[in-house]
PDB file of N, CA and C in Angstrom:
ATOM      1  N   MET A   1     -50.550 -31.955  -0.311  1.00  0.00           N
ATOM      2  CA  MET A   1     -51.863 -31.959  -0.930  1.00  0.00           C
ATOM      3  C   MET A   1     -52.564 -30.654  -0.545  1.00  0.00           C
ATOM      4  N   ASN A   2     -53.240 -30.021  -1.503  1.00  0.00           N
ATOM      5  CA  ASN A   2     -53.890 -28.752  -1.179  1.00  0.00           C
ATOM      6  C   ASN A   2     -55.192 -28.973  -0.412  1.00  0.00           C
ATOM      7  N   GLU A   3     -55.677 -27.905   0.232  1.00  0.00           N
ATOM      8  CA  GLU A   3     -56.842 -28.010   1.114  1.00  0.00           C
ATOM      9  C   GLU A   3     -58.096 -28.488   0.395  1.00  0.00           C
ATOM     10  N   ASN A   4     -58.315 -28.018  -0.813  1.00  0.00           N
ATOM     11  CA  ASN A   4     -59.496 -28.425  -1.561  1.00  0.00           C
ATOM     12  C   ASN A   4     -59.459 -29.921  -1.872  1.00  0.00           C
ATOM     13  N   ARG A   5     -58.314 -30.411  -2.251  1.00  0.00           N
ATOM     14  CA  ARG A   5     -58.168 -31.837  -2.560  1.00  0.00           C
ATOM     15  C   ARG A   5     -58.350 -32.677  -1.290  1.00  0.00           C
ATOM     16  N   ILE A   6     -57.837 -32.202  -0.169  1.00  0.00           N
ATOM     17  CA  ILE A   6     -57.998 -32.916   1.106  1.00  0.00           C
ATOM     18  C   ILE A   6     -59.473 -32.999   1.473  1.00  0.00           C
ATOM     19  N   ARG A   7     -60.210 -31.893   1.311  1.00  0.00           N
ATOM     20  CA  ARG A   7     -61.648 -31.886   1.607  1.00  0.00           C
ATOM     21  C   ARG A   7     -62.395 -32.901   0.745  1.00  0.00           C
ATOM     22  N   LYS A   8     -62.105 -32.907  -0.546  1.00  0.00           N
ATOM     23  CA  LYS A   8     -62.774 -33.835  -1.464  1.00  0.00           C
ATOM     24  C   LYS A   8     -62.430 -35.285  -1.138  1.00  0.00           C
ATOM     25  N   TYR A   9     -61.171 -35.542  -0.849  1.00  0.00           N
ATOM     26  CA  TYR A   9     -60.718 -36.895  -0.535  1.00  0.00           C
ATOM     27  C   TYR A   9     -61.378 -37.389   0.749  1.00  0.00           C
ATOM     28  N   ALA A  10     -61.442 -36.521   1.758  1.00  0.00           N
ATOM     29  CA  ALA A  10     -62.078 -36.896   3.024  1.00  0.00           C
ATOM     30  C   ALA A  10     -63.551 -37.222   2.806  1.00  0.00           C
ATOM     31  N   LYS A  11     -64.222 -36.438   1.991  1.00  0.00           N
ATOM     32  CA  LYS A  11     -65.637 -36.666   1.714  1.00  0.00           C
ATOM     33  C   LYS A  11     -65.857 -38.029   1.062  1.00  0.00           C
ATOM     34  N   VAL A  12     -65.034 -38.353   0.086  1.00  0.00           N
ATOM     35  CA  VAL A  12     -65.146 -39.656  -0.582  1.00  0.00           C
ATOM     36  C   VAL A  12     -64.845 -40.793   0.390  1.00  0.00           C
ATOM     37  N   LEU A  13     -63.811 -40.637   1.192  1.00  0.00           N
ATOM     38  CA  LEU A  13     -63.468 -41.683   2.162  1.00  0.00           C
ATOM     39  C   LEU A  13     -64.620 -41.966   3.122  1.00  0.00           C
ATOM     40  N   LEU A  14     -65.239 -40.897   3.626  1.00  0.00           N
ATOM     41  CA  LEU A  14     -66.304 -41.078   4.609  1.00  0.00           C
ATOM     42  C   LEU A  14     -67.611 -41.567   3.987  1.00  0.00           C
ATOM     43  N   LYS A  15     -67.959 -41.065   2.820  1.00  0.00           N
ATOM     44  CA  LYS A  15     -69.240 -41.428   2.215  1.00  0.00           C
ATOM     45  C   LYS A  15     -69.194 -42.755   1.464  1.00  0.00           C
ATOM     46  N   VAL A  16     -68.106 -43.007   0.748  1.00  0.00           N
ATOM     47  CA  VAL A  16     -68.019 -44.199  -0.083  1.00  0.00           C
ATOM     48  C   VAL A  16     -67.194 -45.296   0.592  1.00  0.00           C
ATOM     49  N   GLY A  17     -65.998 -44.929   1.051  1.00  0.00           N
ATOM     50  CA  GLY A  17     -65.099 -45.927   1.639  1.00  0.00           C
ATOM     51  C   GLY A  17     -65.593 -46.482   2.963  1.00  0.00           C
ATOM     52  N   VAL A  18     -66.005 -45.597   3.853  1.00  0.00           N
ATOM     53  CA  VAL A  18     -66.435 -45.996   5.198  1.00  0.00           C
ATOM     54  C   VAL A  18     -67.951 -46.128   5.293  1.00  0.00           C
ATOM     55  N   ASN A  19     -68.665 -45.349   4.471  1.00  0.00           N
ATOM     56  CA  ASN A  19     -70.132 -45.281   4.536  1.00  0.00           C
ATOM     57  C   ASN A  19     -70.576 -44.888   5.947  1.00  0.00           C
ATOM     58  N   LEU A  20     -69.985 -43.822   6.459  1.00  0.00           N
ATOM     59  CA  LEU A  20     -70.280 -43.353   7.803  1.00  0.00           C
ATOM     60  C   LEU A  20     -71.731 -42.906   7.899  1.00  0.00           C
ATOM     61  N   GLN A  21     -72.414 -43.390   8.916  1.00  0.00           N
ATOM     62  CA  GLN A  21     -73.814 -43.045   9.149  1.00  0.00           C
ATOM     63  C   GLN A  21     -73.939 -42.214  10.426  1.00  0.00           C
ATOM     64  N   LYS A  22     -74.978 -41.397  10.469  1.00  0.00           N
ATOM     65  CA  LYS A  22     -75.244 -40.566  11.635  1.00  0.00           C
ATOM     66  C   LYS A  22     -75.330 -41.441  12.886  1.00  0.00           C
ATOM     67  N   GLY A  23     -74.657 -40.991  13.953  1.00  0.00           N
ATOM     68  CA  GLY A  23     -74.687 -41.714  15.216  1.00  0.00           C
ATOM     69  C   GLY A  23     -73.585 -42.747  15.377  1.00  0.00           C
ATOM     70  N   GLN A  24     -72.824 -43.017  14.333  1.00  0.00           N
ATOM     71  CA  GLN A  24     -71.746 -43.996  14.434  1.00  0.00           C
ATOM     72  C   GLN A  24     -70.485 -43.353  15.011  1.00  0.00           C
ATOM     73  N   ILE A  25     -69.599 -44.200  15.486  1.00  0.00           N
ATOM     74  CA  ILE A  25     -68.293 -43.770  15.982  1.00  0.00           C
ATOM     75  C   ILE A  25     -67.259 -44.103  14.917  1.00  0.00           C
ATOM     76  N   LEU A  26     -66.406 -43.135  14.619  1.00  0.00           N
ATOM     77  CA  LEU A  26     -65.327 -43.339  13.644  1.00  0.00           C
ATOM     78  C   LEU A  26     -64.020 -43.496  14.388  1.00  0.00           C
ATOM     79  N   LEU A  27     -63.274 -44.530  14.061  1.00  0.00           N
ATOM     80  CA  LEU A  27     -61.954 -44.760  14.636  1.00  0.00           C
ATOM     81  C   LEU A  27     -60.918 -44.552  13.548  1.00  0.00           C
ATOM     82  N   LEU A  28     -60.018 -43.608  13.771  1.00  0.00           N
ATOM     83  CA  LEU A  28     -58.929 -43.342  12.833  1.00  0.00           C
ATOM     84  C   LEU A  28     -57.617 -43.766  13.464  1.00  0.00           C
ATOM     85  N   GLN A  29     -56.807 -44.463  12.713  1.00  0.00           N
ATOM     86  CA  GLN A  29     -55.456 -44.781  13.142  1.00  0.00           C
ATOM     87  C   GLN A  29     -54.525 -44.211  12.093  1.00  0.00           C
ATOM     88  N   THR A  30     -53.680 -43.286  12.506  1.00  0.00           N
ATOM     89  CA  THR A  30     -52.837 -42.574  11.560  1.00  0.00           C
ATOM     90  C   THR A  30     -51.508 -42.230  12.210  1.00  0.00           C
ATOM     91  N   ASN A  31     -50.658 -41.579  11.439  1.00  0.00           N
ATOM     92  CA  ASN A  31     -49.395 -41.109  11.999  1.00  0.00           C
ATOM     93  C   ASN A  31     -49.261 -39.612  11.757  1.00  0.00           C
ATOM     94  N   THR A  32     -48.208 -39.043  12.255  1.00  0.00           N
ATOM     95  CA  THR A  32     -48.037 -37.594  12.207  1.00  0.00           C
ATOM     96  C   THR A  32     -47.901 -37.066  10.783  1.00  0.00           C
ATOM     97  N   ASP A  33     -47.552 -37.899   9.827  1.00  0.00           N
ATOM     98  CA  ASP A  33     -47.444 -37.459   8.432  1.00  0.00           C
ATOM     99  C   ASP A  33     -48.800 -37.154   7.807  1.00  0.00           C
ATOM    100  N   ALA A  34     -49.874 -37.662   8.404  1.00  0.00           N
ATOM    101  CA  ALA A  34     -51.205 -37.521   7.821  1.00  0.00           C
ATOM    102  C   ALA A  34     -52.137 -36.673   8.688  1.00  0.00           C
ATOM    103  N   LEU A  35     -51.583 -35.744   9.440  1.00  0.00           N
ATOM    104  CA  LEU A  35     -52.409 -34.928  10.329  1.00  0.00           C
ATOM    105  C   LEU A  35     -53.455 -34.109   9.578  1.00  0.00           C
ATOM    106  N   ASP A  36     -53.110 -33.568   8.430  1.00  0.00           N
ATOM    107  CA  ASP A  36     -54.056 -32.741   7.678  1.00  0.00           C
ATOM    108  C   ASP A  36     -55.306 -33.527   7.293  1.00  0.00           C
ATOM    109  N   ILE A  37     -55.131 -34.708   6.762  1.00  0.00           N
ATOM    110  CA  ILE A  37     -56.288 -35.508   6.361  1.00  0.00           C
ATOM    111  C   ILE A  37     -57.035 -36.024   7.590  1.00  0.00           C
ATOM    112  N   ALA A  38     -56.326 -36.356   8.654  1.00  0.00           N
ATOM    113  CA  ALA A  38     -56.982 -36.816   9.884  1.00  0.00           C
ATOM    114  C   ALA A  38     -57.861 -35.715  10.467  1.00  0.00           C
ATOM    115  N   ARG A  39     -57.373 -34.498  10.454  1.00  0.00           N
ATOM    116  CA  ARG A  39     -58.166 -33.371  10.963  1.00  0.00           C
ATOM    117  C   ARG A  39     -59.402 -33.140  10.107  1.00  0.00           C
ATOM    118  N   GLU A  40     -59.242 -33.206   8.796  1.00  0.00           N
ATOM    119  CA  GLU A  40     -60.389 -32.995   7.905  1.00  0.00           C
ATOM    120  C   GLU A  40     -61.399 -34.132   8.029  1.00  0.00           C
ATOM    121  N   LEU A  41     -60.925 -35.369   8.147  1.00  0.00           N
ATOM    122  CA  LEU A  41     -61.829 -36.492   8.354  1.00  0.00           C
ATOM    123  C   LEU A  41     -62.618 -36.326   9.646  1.00  0.00           C
ATOM    124  N   THR A  42     -61.940 -35.897  10.699  1.00  0.00           N
ATOM    125  CA  THR A  42     -62.597 -35.679  11.983  1.00  0.00           C
ATOM    126  C   THR A  42     -63.672 -34.605  11.860  1.00  0.00           C
ATOM    127  N   LYS A  43     -63.323 -33.485  11.242  1.00  0.00           N
ATOM    128  CA  LYS A  43     -64.273 -32.384  11.063  1.00  0.00           C
ATOM    129  C   LYS A  43     -65.501 -32.828  10.282  1.00  0.00           C
ATOM    130  N   GLN A  44     -65.270 -33.452   9.142  1.00  0.00           N
ATOM    131  CA  GLN A  44     -66.389 -33.867   8.297  1.00  0.00           C
ATOM    132  C   GLN A  44     -67.228 -34.967   8.942  1.00  0.00           C
ATOM    133  N   ALA A  45     -66.583 -35.860   9.679  1.00  0.00           N
ATOM    134  CA  ALA A  45     -67.333 -36.924  10.356  1.00  0.00           C
ATOM    135  C   ALA A  45     -68.302 -36.320  11.371  1.00  0.00           C
ATOM    136  N   PHE A  46     -67.845 -35.346  12.131  1.00  0.00           N
ATOM    137  CA  PHE A  46     -68.744 -34.694  13.077  1.00  0.00           C
ATOM    138  C   PHE A  46     -69.840 -33.926  12.349  1.00  0.00           C
ATOM    139  N   GLU A  47     -69.501 -33.281  11.244  1.00  0.00           N
ATOM    140  CA  GLU A  47     -70.510 -32.575  10.454  1.00  0.00           C
ATOM    141  C   GLU A  47     -71.555 -33.532   9.892  1.00  0.00           C
ATOM    142  N   MET A  48     -71.149 -34.772   9.621  1.00  0.00           N
ATOM    143  CA  MET A  48     -72.070 -35.783   9.102  1.00  0.00           C
ATOM    144  C   MET A  48     -72.893 -36.440  10.207  1.00  0.00           C
ATOM    145  N   GLY A  49     -72.621 -36.080  11.458  1.00  0.00           N
ATOM    146  CA  GLY A  49     -73.402 -36.615  12.568  1.00  0.00           C
ATOM    147  C   GLY A  49     -72.770 -37.755  13.324  1.00  0.00           C
ATOM    148  N   ALA A  50     -71.463 -37.945  13.173  1.00  0.00           N
ATOM    149  CA  ALA A  50     -70.793 -39.000  13.936  1.00  0.00           C
ATOM    150  C   ALA A  50     -70.979 -38.751  15.432  1.00  0.00           C
ATOM    151  N   LYS A  51     -71.188 -39.814  16.168  1.00  0.00           N
ATOM    152  CA  LYS A  51     -71.334 -39.711  17.622  1.00  0.00           C
ATOM    153  C   LYS A  51     -70.012 -39.304  18.248  1.00  0.00           C
ATOM    154  N   ASP A  52     -68.929 -39.864  17.739  1.00  0.00           N
ATOM    155  CA  ASP A  52     -67.593 -39.544  18.233  1.00  0.00           C
ATOM    156  C   ASP A  52     -66.581 -39.918  17.163  1.00  0.00           C
ATOM    157  N   VAL A  53     -65.413 -39.306  17.250  1.00  0.00           N
ATOM    158  CA  VAL A  53     -64.287 -39.659  16.393  1.00  0.00           C
ATOM    159  C   VAL A  53     -63.101 -39.891  17.315  1.00  0.00           C
ATOM    160  N   ILE A  54     -62.584 -41.090  17.282  1.00  0.00           N
ATOM    161  CA  ILE A  54     -61.448 -41.465  18.121  1.00  0.00           C
ATOM    162  C   ILE A  54     -60.231 -41.565  17.211  1.00  0.00           C
ATOM    163  N   VAL A  55     -59.184 -40.830  17.545  1.00  0.00           N
ATOM    164  CA  VAL A  55     -57.990 -40.796  16.716  1.00  0.00           C
ATOM    165  C   VAL A  55     -56.824 -41.406  17.488  1.00  0.00           C
ATOM    166  N   HIS A  56     -56.265 -42.456  16.946  1.00  0.00           N
ATOM    167  CA  HIS A  56     -55.046 -43.053  17.488  1.00  0.00           C
ATOM    168  C   HIS A  56     -53.899 -42.538  16.627  1.00  0.00           C
ATOM    169  N   LEU A  57     -53.053 -41.756  17.236  1.00  0.00           N
ATOM    170  CA  LEU A  57     -51.971 -41.098  16.509  1.00  0.00           C
ATOM    171  C   LEU A  57     -50.644 -41.764  16.849  1.00  0.00           C
ATOM    172  N   GLU A  58     -49.969 -42.233  15.822  1.00  0.00           N
ATOM    173  CA  GLU A  58     -48.658 -42.851  16.000  1.00  0.00           C
ATOM    174  C   GLU A  58     -47.580 -41.862  15.579  1.00  0.00           C
ATOM    175  N   ASP A  59     -46.578 -41.757  16.391  1.00  0.00           N
ATOM    176  CA  ASP A  59     -45.471 -40.858  16.109  1.00  0.00           C
ATOM    177  C   ASP A  59     -44.187 -41.686  16.001  1.00  0.00           C
ATOM    178  N   PRO A  60     -43.443 -41.573  14.911  1.00  0.00           N
ATOM    179  CA  PRO A  60     -42.248 -42.392  14.741  1.00  0.00           C
ATOM    180  C   PRO A  60     -41.204 -42.160  15.827  1.00  0.00           C
ATOM    181  N   TYR A  61     -41.110 -40.964  16.357  1.00  0.00           N
ATOM    182  CA  TYR A  61     -40.144 -40.701  17.428  1.00  0.00           C
ATOM    183  C   TYR A  61     -40.531 -41.437  18.701  1.00  0.00           C
ATOM    184  N   ILE A  62     -41.812 -41.411  19.028  1.00  0.00           N
ATOM    185  CA  ILE A  62     -42.274 -42.127  20.217  1.00  0.00           C
ATOM    186  C   ILE A  62     -42.081 -43.625  20.038  1.00  0.00           C
ATOM    187  N   GLU A  63     -42.390 -44.132  18.853  1.00  0.00           N
ATOM    188  CA  GLU A  63     -42.179 -45.556  18.583  1.00  0.00           C
ATOM    189  C   GLU A  63     -40.701 -45.927  18.704  1.00  0.00           C
ATOM    190  N   HIS A  64     -39.828 -45.047  18.246  1.00  0.00           N
ATOM    191  CA  HIS A  64     -38.391 -45.281  18.367  1.00  0.00           C
ATOM    192  C   HIS A  64     -37.983 -45.365  19.843  1.00  0.00           C
ATOM    193  N   PHE A  65     -38.474 -44.424  20.645  1.00  0.00           N
ATOM    194  CA  PHE A  65     -38.158 -44.440  22.081  1.00  0.00           C
ATOM    195  C   PHE A  65     -38.706 -45.685  22.759  1.00  0.00           C
ATOM    196  N   ARG A  66     -39.889 -46.108  22.364  1.00  0.00           N
ATOM    197  CA  ARG A  66     -40.474 -47.321  22.932  1.00  0.00           C
ATOM    198  C   ARG A  66     -39.621 -48.539  22.605  1.00  0.00           C
ATOM    199  N   ALA A  67     -39.161 -48.613  21.367  1.00  0.00           N
ATOM    200  CA  ALA A  67     -38.310 -49.742  20.956  1.00  0.00           C
ATOM    201  C   ALA A  67     -36.955 -49.700  21.646  1.00  0.00           C
ATOM    202  N   LYS A  68     -36.402 -48.527  21.801  1.00  0.00           N
ATOM    203  CA  LYS A  68     -35.073 -48.396  22.374  1.00  0.00           C
ATOM    204  C   LYS A  68     -35.060 -48.572  23.894  1.00  0.00           C
ATOM    205  N   TYR A  69     -36.037 -48.009  24.571  1.00  0.00           N
ATOM    206  CA  TYR A  69     -36.021 -47.986  26.037  1.00  0.00           C
ATOM    207  C   TYR A  69     -37.099 -48.826  26.703  1.00  0.00           C
ATOM    208  N   GLY A  70     -38.095 -49.231  25.943  1.00  0.00           N
ATOM    209  CA  GLY A  70     -39.259 -49.907  26.551  1.00  0.00           C
ATOM    210  C   GLY A  70     -39.081 -51.345  26.840  1.00  0.00           C
TER     211      GLY A  70
END
């Protein structure tokens, strides 16, 4: 996805989908395939006045190791 489309998509997600308000905390749960959109969501959320953005990042390799050895 190109950068302009990612910016527009992030804006819609935060304003319409999440309805993020100033002072709120945003929690993102994503995986390594979606780093570009996660970064843009984080940036825009802070620009919109989010108190904090917490990102839980899942990596398929780490999950594989957890399943195999954990």
